[in-house]
Amino acid sequence: MAVNTTTNWNDLTSCPFCGDELASPGAGFIDHIDSSANCEDGFEQWRANIAGDLAGEWSG
């Protein structure tokens, strides 16, 4: 897996953290971050960074 230094949220069929192809944009992304520690860490960091921008935390 290649490390992506920038996130690409414009292509829903690939992981914005590593660029790997996803099985699907929704559940496929969740399955991918569950199986990739680096992408899960990237997602958690991204989520923590934007949490203050949202009016309350979302579930999930």
Protein backbone atom coordinates (compact mmCIF):
# COMPACT_ATOMS: atom_id res chain seq x y z
CA MET A 1 0.00 0.00 0.00
CA ALA A 2 1.38 3.39 -0.98
CA VAL A 3 1.24 6.19 1.55
CA ASN A 4 -0.69 9.19 0.28
CA THR A 5 0.57 12.48 1.75
CA THR A 6 -2.63 14.33 0.83
CA THR A 7 -6.20 13.22 1.06
CA ASN A 8 -8.40 13.06 -2.01
CA TRP A 9 -12.05 13.25 -1.06
CA ASN A 10 -13.17 13.74 -4.68
CA ASP A 11 -12.90 10.10 -5.77
CA LEU A 12 -15.36 8.01 -3.77
CA THR A 13 -14.03 4.74 -5.19
CA SER A 14 -10.58 5.10 -3.64
CA CYS A 15 -9.33 5.58 -0.09
CA PRO A 16 -8.51 9.24 0.53
CA PHE A 17 -5.61 8.23 2.78
CA CYS A 18 -3.75 5.64 0.70
CA GLY A 19 -5.41 5.70 -2.72
CA ASP A 20 -6.35 2.00 -2.73
CA GLU A 21 -9.51 1.10 -4.64
CA LEU A 22 -12.57 0.55 -2.43
CA ALA A 23 -15.22 -2.13 -2.95
CA SER A 24 -17.85 0.57 -2.45
CA PRO A 25 -17.86 4.21 -1.27
CA GLY A 26 -19.74 3.57 1.99
CA ALA A 27 -19.38 0.13 3.52
CA GLY A 28 -16.26 -0.52 1.44
CA PHE A 29 -14.54 2.46 3.06
CA ILE A 30 -15.45 1.24 6.55
CA ASP A 31 -14.23 -2.28 5.72
CA HIS A 32 -11.01 -0.79 4.35
CA ILE A 33 -10.18 1.31 7.42
CA ASP A 34 -11.05 -1.67 9.64
CA SER A 35 -8.41 -3.71 7.84
CA SER A 36 -5.78 -0.97 7.40
CA ALA A 37 -4.28 0.44 10.59
CA ASN A 38 -2.60 3.34 8.74
CA CYS A 39 -5.83 4.42 7.08
CA GLU A 40 -7.79 3.98 10.31
CA ASP A 41 -5.27 6.22 12.08
CA GLY A 42 -5.56 8.78 9.28
CA PHE A 43 -9.36 8.70 9.49
CA GLU A 44 -9.35 9.10 13.28
CA GLN A 45 -6.94 12.03 13.02
CA TRP A 46 -9.08 13.65 10.30
CA ARG A 47 -12.20 13.07 12.39
CA ALA A 48 -10.59 14.62 15.49
CA ASN A 49 -9.48 17.63 13.44
CA ILE A 50 -12.97 18.41 12.17
CA ALA A 51 -14.95 17.42 15.29
CA GLY A 52 -14.82 21.01 16.60
CA ASP A 53 -16.25 22.27 13.31
CA LEU A 54 -19.44 20.26 13.75
CA ALA A 55 -22.32 21.03 16.11
CA GLY A 56 -21.88 17.89 18.16
CA GLU A 57 -20.28 14.56 17.33
CA TRP A 58 -21.92 12.20 14.86
CA SER A 59 -22.50 8.55 15.64
CA GLY A 60 -20.48 5.88 13.95
